[in-house]
Structure formats: C-alpha cells, structure tokens
Amino acid sequence: MLIYILSEIYTYPEVQEAFRITEPYNIHIRVVLRDQLHLQQFIDKLINYGSPTTLLMLTEIEKS
C-alpha cells in the first residue's frame, strides 16, 4: 500500500511536499487546504491508504 500512495501522492493538487519518514507513520505530506471542510474531504481521500494523522500549523516561530 505504501508504494501505491508514494506513486500517487502528487496527483493531489493540495500536496506541496511529501517525505518518506521512519515508523510509525512512513510518510509525511504538507498540504494547503482552503478550510476545515476541505481538510475533512482530503482526509476522506487518504483513508483509502490507512489511518491518517493530522497536525495543524498555527503560526510560524520567527528566529530571534
């Protein structure tokens, strides 16, 4: 299943970056979404590949 999503991940226009990472997640993707409904719809697509975990970026921490 992981090989399949790796070959398909950039077919989603929301995906900005994708990385293979170590367990337990295997892949990290950075996406840009319009709103919470768009997030929900995107998660619904990812469920076909497994159980997605989401993290929301709130603000960037500036270097001092």
Protein backbone atom coordinates (compact mmCIF):
# COMPACT_ATOMS: atom_id res chain seq x y z
CA MET A 1 0.00 0.00 0.00
CA LEU A 2 2.85 2.44 0.81
CA ILE A 3 4.36 2.06 -2.66
CA TYR A 4 0.98 2.86 -4.21
CA ILE A 5 0.49 6.10 -2.26
CA LEU A 6 4.07 7.17 -2.97
CA SER A 7 3.41 6.94 -6.69
CA GLU A 8 0.04 8.73 -6.37
CA ILE A 9 0.69 11.41 -3.74
CA TYR A 10 1.49 14.26 -6.15
CA THR A 11 -1.70 13.65 -8.14
CA TYR A 12 -3.47 15.54 -5.33
CA PRO A 13 -3.14 19.29 -6.06
CA GLU A 14 -3.22 20.08 -2.32
CA VAL A 15 0.11 18.33 -1.75
CA GLN A 16 3.04 20.75 -1.54
CA GLU A 17 5.74 18.39 -0.24
CA ALA A 18 6.00 14.71 0.57
CA PHE A 19 8.66 12.84 2.56
CA ARG A 20 9.28 9.21 3.46
CA ILE A 21 9.92 9.04 7.19
CA THR A 22 10.56 6.36 9.79
CA GLU A 23 7.84 4.48 11.63
CA PRO A 24 5.15 4.70 12.82
CA TYR A 25 3.87 6.98 10.04
CA ASN A 26 6.01 6.16 6.94
CA ILE A 27 5.07 9.31 5.01
CA HIS A 28 4.73 13.00 5.88
CA ILE A 29 2.94 15.35 3.50
CA ARG A 30 2.50 19.09 3.66
CA VAL A 31 -0.75 20.25 2.11
CA VAL A 32 -2.52 23.56 1.62
CA LEU A 33 -6.27 23.49 2.16
CA ARG A 34 -9.00 26.14 1.98
CA ASP A 35 -10.85 25.40 5.21
CA GLN A 36 -11.95 22.68 7.63
CA LEU A 37 -14.37 21.17 5.13
CA HIS A 38 -11.57 20.85 2.58
CA LEU A 39 -9.43 19.19 5.28
CA GLN A 40 -12.22 16.73 6.01
CA GLN A 41 -12.61 15.91 2.31
CA PHE A 42 -8.86 15.42 1.90
CA ILE A 43 -8.71 13.12 4.95
CA ASP A 44 -11.58 11.12 3.46
CA LYS A 45 -9.42 10.51 0.37
CA LEU A 46 -6.43 9.45 2.47
CA ILE A 47 -8.46 6.92 4.48
CA ASN A 48 -8.20 4.63 1.43
CA TYR A 49 -4.47 4.29 2.23
CA GLY A 50 -4.70 3.79 6.01
CA SER A 51 -5.41 5.88 9.09
CA PRO A 52 -4.16 9.44 8.54
CA THR A 53 -2.95 11.58 11.42
CA THR A 54 -3.29 15.35 11.05
CA LEU A 55 -1.41 18.20 12.64
CA LEU A 56 -2.35 21.84 12.07
CA MET A 57 0.30 24.54 11.86
CA LEU A 58 -0.93 27.60 13.70
CA THR A 59 1.87 30.12 13.36
CA GLU A 60 5.50 30.19 12.29
CA ILE A 61 8.02 30.77 15.05
CA GLU A 62 10.36 33.53 13.94
CA LYS A 63 14.10 33.35 14.57
CA SER A 64 15.25 35.90 17.11
